[in-house]
Protein backbone atom coordinates (compact mmCIF):
# COMPACT_ATOMS: atom_id res chain seq x y z
CA MET A 1 0.15 -0.05 -0.07
CA LYS A 2 1.61 3.29 -1.26
CA VAL A 3 0.30 6.39 0.68
CA LEU A 4 0.61 10.24 -0.49
CA ALA A 5 -0.35 12.12 2.53
CA ILE A 6 -0.79 15.98 2.95
CA GLU A 7 -0.82 17.98 6.25
CA SER A 8 -1.79 21.73 6.19
CA SER A 9 -3.58 22.09 9.33
CA ALA A 10 -1.57 24.85 10.61
CA VAL A 11 1.71 26.81 9.55
CA THR A 12 3.71 23.85 8.92
CA ALA A 13 3.34 22.27 5.25
CA SER A 14 4.11 18.77 4.91
CA VAL A 15 3.76 15.98 2.44
CA ALA A 16 4.95 12.43 2.26
CA ILE A 17 4.93 9.24 0.42
CA MET A 18 5.11 6.01 2.36
CA THR A 19 4.24 2.21 2.43
CA GLU A 20 3.60 -0.07 5.36
CA ASP A 21 7.15 -0.49 6.26
CA THR A 22 9.04 2.39 4.49
CA LEU A 23 9.04 6.21 4.47
CA ILE A 24 10.07 6.91 0.95
CA ALA A 25 10.06 10.58 1.22
CA GLU A 26 8.84 13.47 3.25
CA TYR A 27 8.89 17.25 2.49
CA THR A 28 8.09 19.67 5.42
CA ILE A 29 8.38 23.56 5.52
CA ASN A 30 7.59 25.40 8.65
CA TYR A 31 8.01 28.90 7.30
CA LYS A 32 5.86 32.00 6.39
CA LYS A 33 4.66 31.09 2.87
CA THR A 34 0.85 30.00 2.10
CA HIS A 35 -0.16 26.55 1.54
CA SER A 36 -1.49 27.33 -1.78
CA GLN A 37 2.01 28.24 -2.72
CA THR A 38 3.76 25.48 -1.29
CA LEU A 39 1.71 22.06 -1.43
CA LEU A 40 1.44 21.14 -5.15
CA PRO A 41 5.34 22.10 -5.82
CA MET A 42 6.32 20.03 -2.90
CA ILE A 43 4.04 17.14 -4.06
CA ASP A 44 5.60 17.50 -7.47
CA GLU A 45 9.06 17.32 -5.99
CA ILE A 46 8.83 14.31 -4.08
CA CYS A 47 7.24 12.46 -6.68
CA ARG A 48 10.00 13.45 -9.23
CA MET A 49 12.79 12.70 -6.62
CA THR A 50 11.44 9.26 -5.95
CA GLU A 51 10.17 8.64 -9.42
CA THR A 52 6.73 7.89 -8.38
CA ASP A 53 3.78 8.51 -10.82
CA VAL A 54 0.78 9.57 -8.71
CA SER A 55 -1.11 6.93 -10.74
CA ASP A 56 0.96 4.49 -8.59
CA ILE A 57 -0.51 5.84 -5.43
CA ASP A 58 -3.15 3.81 -3.68
CA ILE A 59 -4.47 6.07 -1.27
CA VAL A 60 -4.58 9.78 -0.74
CA ALA A 61 -4.58 10.84 2.93
CA VAL A 62 -5.38 14.30 4.25
CA SER A 63 -5.16 15.68 7.98
CA ASP A 64 -8.56 16.89 8.02
CA GLY A 65 -8.68 18.84 11.16
CA PRO A 66 -9.00 20.76 13.39
CA GLY A 67 -6.78 23.56 12.49
CA SER A 68 -6.74 26.69 10.28
CA PHE A 69 -9.75 26.84 8.14
CA THR A 70 -7.73 28.05 5.12
CA GLY A 71 -5.03 25.52 5.33
CA LEU A 72 -7.63 22.70 5.82
CA ARG A 73 -9.55 23.70 2.84
CA ILE A 74 -6.36 23.97 0.92
CA GLY A 75 -5.17 20.61 1.83
CA ALA A 76 -8.78 18.94 1.31
CA ALA A 77 -8.82 20.45 -2.11
CA THR A 78 -5.43 19.29 -3.02
CA GLY A 79 -5.91 15.75 -2.02
CA LYS A 80 -9.52 15.49 -3.48
CA GLY A 81 -8.36 16.98 -7.02
CA ILE A 82 -5.65 14.20 -7.03
CA ALA A 83 -7.82 11.58 -5.88
CA LEU A 84 -10.43 12.42 -8.39
CA ALA A 85 -8.11 12.63 -11.12
CA LYS A 86 -6.52 9.36 -10.58
CA ASP A 87 -9.63 7.47 -9.17
CA LYS A 88 -8.20 6.78 -5.67
CA PRO A 89 -9.71 6.31 -2.28
CA MET A 90 -8.92 8.71 0.46
CA VAL A 91 -8.36 8.56 4.25
CA ALA A 92 -9.47 11.60 6.26
CA VAL A 93 -7.09 11.35 9.28
CA PRO A 94 -7.96 13.47 12.33
CA THR A 95 -5.15 15.83 12.80
CA LEU A 96 -4.69 15.28 16.54
CA GLU A 97 -4.76 11.60 16.11
CA ALA A 98 -1.90 12.06 13.44
CA MET A 99 -0.04 14.15 16.04
CA ALA A 100 -0.19 11.39 18.31
CA TYR A 101 1.58 9.35 15.86
CA ASN A 102 4.68 11.51 16.24
CA LEU A 103 5.31 9.78 19.33
CA MET A 104 4.29 6.31 18.54
CA GLY A 105 5.89 3.74 20.94
CA ASP A 106 5.68 6.30 23.88
CA LYS A 107 4.12 4.61 26.83
CA ARG A 108 3.05 7.96 28.44
CA LEU A 109 -0.32 9.62 27.92
CA ILE A 110 -0.21 11.61 24.84
CA CYS A 111 -1.72 15.15 24.66
CA PRO A 112 -1.59 16.92 21.31
CA VAL A 113 -2.14 20.73 21.62
CA MET A 114 -3.08 23.21 18.72
CA ASP A 115 -3.64 27.08 19.34
CA ALA A 116 -7.35 27.71 18.98
CA ARG A 117 -6.75 31.13 20.24
CA ARG A 118 -8.77 33.02 23.07
CA GLN A 119 -7.39 30.88 25.82
CA HIS A 120 -8.40 27.72 24.03
CA LEU A 121 -6.68 24.82 22.40
CA TYR A 122 -7.56 22.07 20.11
CA SER A 123 -6.85 19.05 21.99
CA GLY A 124 -7.28 15.09 22.73
CA LEU A 125 -5.78 12.35 24.82
CA TYR A 126 -4.19 9.24 23.52
CA ARG A 127 -1.94 6.33 24.33
CA PHE A 128 -0.43 3.48 22.40
CA ASP A 129 -0.93 -0.20 23.34
CA ALA A 130 1.94 -1.55 21.37
CA GLU A 131 1.10 -0.13 17.65
CA LYS A 132 -2.42 0.40 18.44
CA LEU A 133 -3.63 4.12 19.15
CA GLU A 134 -6.00 4.25 21.84
CA ILE A 135 -8.55 7.36 22.34
CA ILE A 136 -8.87 8.27 25.67
CA HIS A 137 -10.44 11.44 24.89
CA GLU A 138 -11.59 12.54 21.27
CA GLN A 139 -10.19 15.59 19.99
CA CYS A 140 -12.30 18.77 20.96
CA LEU A 141 -12.07 22.43 21.65
CA ILE A 142 -11.10 23.08 25.10
CA SER A 143 -10.06 25.87 27.40
CA TYR A 144 -6.58 25.97 29.15
CA GLN A 145 -8.35 25.56 32.51
CA GLU A 146 -10.58 22.68 31.43
CA LEU A 147 -7.55 20.58 29.78
CA VAL A 148 -5.53 21.13 32.93
CA ASP A 149 -8.32 20.04 34.97
CA MET A 150 -8.97 16.91 33.05
CA LEU A 151 -5.21 16.09 33.08
CA ASN A 152 -5.05 16.39 36.73
CA ALA A 153 -8.00 14.15 37.22
CA GLN A 154 -6.48 11.57 35.02
CA ASN A 155 -3.29 11.96 37.22
CA GLU A 156 -1.04 10.20 34.81
CA GLU A 157 2.33 11.34 33.41
CA VAL A 158 1.74 13.30 30.13
CA VAL A 159 3.84 14.28 27.14
CA PHE A 160 2.58 17.41 25.11
CA VAL A 161 3.14 17.73 21.22
CA GLY A 162 2.12 20.70 19.14
CA ASP A 163 2.30 24.54 18.63
CA GLY A 164 -0.13 24.64 21.54
CA ILE A 165 2.93 24.40 23.86
CA ASP A 166 4.05 27.64 22.62
CA VAL A 167 0.93 29.69 23.90
CA ALA A 168 -0.28 27.52 26.80
CA GLY A 169 3.05 26.28 28.12
CA ASP A 170 3.28 28.44 30.90
CA TYR A 171 -0.28 27.88 31.99
CA ILE A 172 0.49 24.38 32.05
CA LYS A 173 3.61 24.87 34.04
CA ASP A 174 1.97 26.82 36.51
CA ASN A 175 -1.24 24.72 37.04
CA LEU A 176 -0.57 20.99 36.15
CA LYS A 177 -0.15 18.78 39.17
CA CYS A 178 1.03 15.61 37.47
CA ARG A 179 4.27 14.82 35.84
CA TYR A 180 4.63 16.11 32.06
CA SER A 181 7.17 16.84 29.40
CA PHE A 182 7.22 19.11 26.24
CA SER A 183 8.15 17.31 22.96
CA LYS A 184 11.22 18.42 21.31
CA PRO A 185 11.27 20.68 18.10
CA HIS A 186 11.94 17.86 15.63
CA ILE A 187 8.57 16.00 16.72
CA LYS A 188 6.71 19.03 17.86
CA THR A 189 4.91 20.09 14.74
CA GLN A 190 2.52 18.26 12.33
CA ARG A 191 4.07 15.70 9.93
CA ALA A 192 2.91 14.10 6.79
CA SER A 193 4.47 10.96 7.57
CA SER A 194 2.55 10.61 10.86
CA VAL A 195 -0.57 11.32 8.63
CA ALA A 196 0.45 8.41 6.24
CA LEU A 197 1.19 6.20 9.22
CA ALA A 198 -2.27 6.83 10.82
CA ALA A 199 -3.94 6.38 7.40
CA ILE A 200 -2.30 3.19 6.57
CA TYR A 201 -3.95 1.75 9.90
CA MET A 202 -7.31 3.35 9.31
CA ALA A 203 -7.24 1.85 5.73
CA GLN A 204 -6.35 -1.57 7.18
CA GLU A 205 -9.57 -1.08 9.16
CA GLY A 206 -11.59 -0.12 6.17
CA LYS A 207 -11.82 3.63 6.80
CA THR A 208 -11.42 4.78 3.28
CA ILE A 209 -13.77 7.17 1.63
CA ASN A 210 -14.52 8.35 -1.80
CA SER A 211 -13.00 11.83 -2.65
CA ASP A 212 -16.50 13.37 -2.83
CA LEU A 213 -16.93 12.72 0.89
CA MET A 214 -13.79 14.39 1.94
CA LYS A 215 -14.84 17.34 4.27
CA PRO A 216 -12.56 19.11 6.71
CA ASP A 217 -13.49 18.71 10.57
CA TYR A 218 -13.21 22.35 11.93
CA LEU A 219 -14.68 21.55 15.34
CA ARG A 220 -16.25 25.03 15.44
CA PRO A 221 -17.91 27.35 13.16
CA SER A 222 -15.90 29.89 11.29
CA GLN A 223 -15.63 33.45 12.19
CA ALA A 224 -17.67 34.63 9.49
CA GLU A 225 -20.26 31.89 10.59
CA ARG A 226 -19.98 33.04 14.28
CA GLU A 227 -20.79 36.80 13.07
CA HIS A 228 -23.58 35.96 10.96
CA ASN A 229 -25.26 33.88 13.91
CA LYS A 230 -25.04 36.74 16.19
């Protein structure tokens, strides 16, 4: 099974080609460029460098949220375009589950955190039983205080991963009572290889979809929708 994975849920743009046992290529940029500028050239480049024809891809996997509304839309549209053109199935990978795969094999409780602004985070709780990801708490929109309260009630050693560390780190340090650590920079940000790995396990469980069903999971309405509903 050969997977093309796309990650564009935040500032980081990342694409990867992966099989069950080999990461063939991964191209990641964490810089101030728009995903509309970077994603297609990055996909073209890894396909060229690995002599991969997109027709040889078995599955197109996309990190489907939560995260940046614009980034998620661009990633979904890019993946859908490729899948539709080549008649390939897709896997919609929850972004926070993919982030947990950055720490696959870690025996601690894993808490991915993404900045959702206004003292809120996108987060979830996970742990690995061997290679199987267990969902302790589904991904959600949560306040700093609610997350810390939940972790204190859980009372287990926890490792954080994600850019939410940058904004909520001080609050966590001041209020979390259980043992914790923050992941290092090389595994802190979103990675397409983790999206690909999660997609492989999901595909093995039959969780593929047609491209027309691919839809980002924003977890909350957009600002425009919030203004409209006032």
